[in-house]
């Protein structure tokens, strides 16, 4: 692919001039803002950056490495903010960032019951992607646990959408049309794979002890 697809969806067409003008810095800034908790189009900018890499305007390795670093750093900072402000402040002012009390309590309940699983797939779910770190911090999840599974989730998310953007070409409209379903299926696939590995390791350990 030597030029951008002619049938780009309107959402990508709108963001294209921004990525073309600001390149890596623009992508990093938007991803950082999204991971801190602001409602900006981070995923769309990432896909657009991968598309520009496909036509030679950006380097795909740089896009992946920078996006991954910013995603992890942004969510870590978001976690710190969440741990400092606590759940009371979140419940009181969360409505201003799209997280009214009832919704926050629902998400917090998920975190308390499932923890790392939520962090793992949060990247693939809108709203939860933006507020993942804040809620995890406010719910007093241990930071090492958050960092580990957030890094795994970020790696999967960045690689997935960079591969889509870099290789989809004229089929990018199809992937964006079913973006939500593709994201959820991919996220669930990651969870099942990790659970399978953990269960397999425990069974092997148990058999080794019995033998």
Protein backbone atom coordinates (compact mmCIF):
# COMPACT_ATOMS: atom_id res chain seq x y z
CA UNK A 1 0.00 0.00 0.00
CA UNK A 2 1.55 3.28 -1.16
CA UNK A 3 -1.32 5.64 -0.34
CA UNK A 4 -4.21 5.82 2.09
CA UNK A 5 -7.31 3.81 1.13
CA UNK A 6 -9.81 5.83 -0.86
CA UNK A 7 -12.79 4.56 1.14
CA UNK A 8 -11.62 5.58 4.61
CA UNK A 9 -14.47 5.77 7.16
CA UNK A 10 -15.40 9.34 8.12
CA UNK A 11 -13.93 8.93 11.61
CA UNK A 12 -10.50 8.18 10.13
CA UNK A 13 -10.82 10.87 7.47
CA UNK A 14 -11.47 13.44 10.22
CA UNK A 15 -8.43 12.43 12.27
CA UNK A 16 -6.08 11.96 9.29
CA UNK A 17 -4.87 15.61 9.03
CA UNK A 18 -4.00 15.63 12.75
CA UNK A 19 -1.86 12.48 12.54
CA UNK A 20 -0.31 13.63 9.26
CA UNK A 21 0.72 16.95 10.82
CA UNK A 22 1.84 15.88 14.29
CA UNK A 23 2.97 12.31 13.65
CA UNK A 24 4.42 10.40 16.60
CA UNK A 25 4.01 13.32 19.01
CA UNK A 26 0.34 13.76 18.16
CA UNK A 27 -0.36 10.05 18.52
CA UNK A 28 1.48 9.89 21.85
CA UNK A 29 -0.34 12.95 23.21
CA UNK A 30 -3.81 11.61 22.35
CA UNK A 31 -3.05 8.13 23.71
CA UNK A 32 -1.68 9.63 26.92
CA UNK A 33 -4.80 11.75 27.42
CA UNK A 34 -7.07 8.77 26.77
CA UNK A 35 -5.20 6.55 29.22
CA UNK A 36 -5.28 9.23 31.89
CA UNK A 37 -9.06 9.09 31.60
CA UNK A 38 -10.13 11.74 29.08
CA UNK A 39 -12.67 10.89 26.34
CA UNK A 40 -10.41 11.36 23.30
CA UNK A 41 -10.17 9.03 20.24
CA UNK A 42 -6.98 7.19 21.18
CA UNK A 43 -7.83 3.94 19.42
CA UNK A 44 -8.74 5.79 16.22
CA UNK A 45 -5.48 7.77 16.28
CA UNK A 46 -3.51 4.55 16.81
CA UNK A 47 -5.15 2.91 13.80
CA UNK A 48 -4.52 6.02 11.71
CA UNK A 49 -0.85 6.08 12.74
CA UNK A 50 -0.53 2.44 11.63
CA UNK A 51 -2.14 3.34 8.30
CA UNK A 52 0.40 6.13 7.81
CA UNK A 53 3.15 3.65 8.65
CA UNK A 54 1.80 1.35 5.93
CA UNK A 55 2.33 4.08 3.30
CA UNK A 56 5.79 4.97 4.59
CA UNK A 57 5.04 8.23 6.42
CA UNK A 58 5.74 6.71 9.84
CA UNK A 59 7.74 3.73 11.08
CA UNK A 60 5.53 0.90 12.35
CA UNK A 61 8.08 -0.23 14.95
CA UNK A 62 8.24 3.31 16.36
CA UNK A 63 4.44 3.50 16.37
CA UNK A 64 4.14 0.21 18.31
CA UNK A 65 6.91 0.95 20.83
CA UNK A 66 5.79 4.53 21.50
CA UNK A 67 2.10 3.60 21.73
CA UNK A 68 2.87 0.78 24.17
CA UNK A 69 5.08 2.96 26.37
CA UNK A 70 2.55 5.79 26.48
CA UNK A 71 -0.40 3.43 27.11
CA UNK A 72 1.31 1.79 30.09
CA UNK A 73 2.61 5.08 31.48
CA UNK A 74 -0.76 6.81 31.08
CA UNK A 75 -2.67 4.06 32.85
CA UNK A 76 -0.05 3.92 35.62
CA UNK A 77 -0.47 7.65 36.20
CA UNK A 78 -4.24 7.17 36.11
CA UNK A 79 -3.88 4.42 38.74
CA UNK A 80 -1.91 6.82 40.95
CA UNK A 81 -4.62 9.47 40.64
CA UNK A 82 -7.29 6.90 41.50
CA UNK A 83 -5.39 5.70 44.56
CA UNK A 84 -4.95 9.28 45.78
CA UNK A 85 -8.47 10.59 45.30
CA UNK A 86 -10.15 7.45 46.67
CA UNK A 87 -13.63 6.13 45.98
CA UNK A 88 -15.50 8.90 47.86
CA UNK A 89 -14.20 11.61 45.55
CA UNK A 90 -14.80 9.34 42.55
CA UNK A 91 -18.42 8.73 43.55
CA UNK A 92 -19.00 12.43 44.12
CA UNK A 93 -17.40 13.81 40.96
CA UNK A 94 -17.32 10.79 38.65
CA UNK A 95 -20.39 11.97 36.78
CA UNK A 96 -18.28 14.71 35.18
CA UNK A 97 -16.14 12.10 33.38
CA UNK A 98 -18.97 9.77 32.43
CA UNK A 99 -18.91 7.66 35.59
CA UNK A 100 -22.00 8.41 37.76
CA UNK A 101 -22.17 6.72 41.20
CA UNK A 102 -24.21 3.69 40.13
CA UNK A 103 -21.96 2.95 37.17
CA UNK A 104 -18.84 3.43 39.28
CA UNK A 105 -20.11 1.07 41.98
CA UNK A 106 -20.88 -1.52 39.32
CA UNK A 107 -17.37 -1.29 37.85
CA UNK A 108 -15.83 -1.31 41.33
CA UNK A 109 -17.74 -4.48 42.13
CA UNK A 110 -16.28 -6.09 39.02
CA UNK A 111 -12.78 -5.06 40.07
CA UNK A 112 -13.26 -6.42 43.59
CA UNK A 113 -14.50 -9.77 42.27
CA UNK A 114 -12.41 -10.27 39.15
CA UNK A 115 -9.54 -7.79 39.43
CA UNK A 116 -6.83 -8.76 36.99
CA UNK A 117 -9.30 -10.14 34.43
CA UNK A 118 -10.95 -6.75 34.11
CA UNK A 119 -7.59 -4.98 33.78
CA UNK A 120 -6.58 -7.48 31.12
CA UNK A 121 -9.51 -6.80 28.79
CA UNK A 122 -10.24 -3.18 29.77
CA UNK A 123 -8.31 -1.87 26.76
CA UNK A 124 -10.79 -3.49 24.40
CA UNK A 125 -13.88 -1.88 25.93
CA UNK A 126 -14.77 1.80 25.48
CA UNK A 127 -15.22 3.81 28.70
CA UNK A 128 -13.54 1.07 30.69
CA UNK A 129 -10.39 1.66 28.62
CA UNK A 130 -10.32 5.31 29.66
CA UNK A 131 -11.20 4.70 33.32
CA UNK A 132 -9.41 1.43 33.92
CA UNK A 133 -6.52 2.90 35.92
CA UNK A 134 -8.65 5.32 37.90
CA UNK A 135 -11.06 2.63 39.10
CA UNK A 136 -8.29 0.11 39.82
CA UNK A 137 -6.45 2.69 41.92
CA UNK A 138 -9.56 3.81 43.78
CA UNK A 139 -10.52 0.20 44.52
CA UNK A 140 -7.11 -0.33 46.15
CA UNK A 141 -5.82 -2.99 43.78
CA UNK A 142 -2.11 -3.71 44.33
CA UNK A 143 -0.03 -1.74 41.82
CA UNK A 144 2.32 -4.63 40.84
CA UNK A 145 -0.74 -6.72 39.93
CA UNK A 146 -2.24 -3.84 37.98
CA UNK A 147 1.04 -3.09 36.19
CA UNK A 148 1.55 -6.70 35.12
CA UNK A 149 -1.90 -7.31 33.66
CA UNK A 150 -2.25 -3.79 32.33
CA UNK A 151 1.03 -4.24 30.44
CA UNK A 152 -0.18 -7.54 28.97
CA UNK A 153 -3.49 -5.96 27.97
CA UNK A 154 -1.75 -2.89 26.51
CA UNK A 155 0.61 -5.07 24.47
CA UNK A 156 -2.27 -7.06 23.01
CA UNK A 157 -4.31 -3.93 22.29
CA UNK A 158 -1.49 -1.98 20.63
CA UNK A 159 -0.28 -4.91 18.53
CA UNK A 160 -3.80 -5.89 17.50
CA UNK A 161 -4.84 -2.48 16.19
CA UNK A 162 -1.43 -1.69 14.68
CA UNK A 163 -1.56 -4.95 12.73
CA UNK A 164 -5.10 -4.14 11.60
CA UNK A 165 -4.18 -0.60 10.58
CA UNK A 166 -0.91 -1.61 8.93
CA UNK A 167 -2.20 -4.58 6.95
CA UNK A 168 -5.93 -4.04 6.40
CA UNK A 169 -5.57 -1.52 3.57
CA UNK A 170 -8.84 -1.12 1.68
CA UNK A 171 -10.60 -3.46 4.14
CA UNK A 172 -10.14 -1.10 7.10
CA UNK A 173 -13.80 0.01 6.87
CA UNK A 174 -14.91 -3.58 7.52
CA UNK A 175 -12.78 -3.89 10.66
CA UNK A 176 -13.97 -0.57 12.04
CA UNK A 177 -17.61 -1.47 11.38
CA UNK A 178 -17.24 -4.48 13.69
CA UNK A 179 -14.59 -2.89 15.92
CA UNK A 180 -16.47 -3.44 19.19
CA UNK A 181 -17.22 -7.13 18.52
CA UNK A 182 -13.68 -7.81 17.29
CA UNK A 183 -12.22 -6.13 20.37
CA UNK A 184 -14.38 -8.10 22.79
CA UNK A 185 -13.67 -11.42 21.08
CA UNK A 186 -9.95 -10.74 21.02
CA UNK A 187 -9.94 -9.68 24.66
CA UNK A 188 -11.86 -12.80 25.69
CA UNK A 189 -9.45 -14.90 23.69
CA UNK A 190 -6.52 -13.46 25.64
CA UNK A 191 -8.25 -14.20 28.95
CA UNK A 192 -9.09 -17.81 28.02
CA UNK A 193 -5.54 -18.38 26.83
CA UNK A 194 -4.05 -17.12 30.12
CA UNK A 195 -6.55 -19.12 32.18
CA UNK A 196 -5.73 -22.23 30.14
CA UNK A 197 -1.99 -21.71 30.74
CA UNK A 198 -2.52 -21.22 34.49
CA UNK A 199 -4.77 -24.28 34.82
CA UNK A 200 -2.39 -26.39 32.76
CA UNK A 201 0.56 -25.34 34.93
CA UNK A 202 -1.36 -26.13 38.15
CA UNK A 203 -2.37 -29.56 36.86
CA UNK A 204 1.21 -30.30 35.88
CA UNK A 205 2.45 -29.18 39.30
CA UNK A 206 -0.14 -31.37 41.03
CA UNK A 207 0.78 -34.41 38.94
CA UNK A 208 4.48 -33.84 39.62
CA UNK A 209 3.80 -33.81 43.39
CA UNK A 210 1.75 -36.99 43.20
CA UNK A 211 4.35 -38.87 41.16
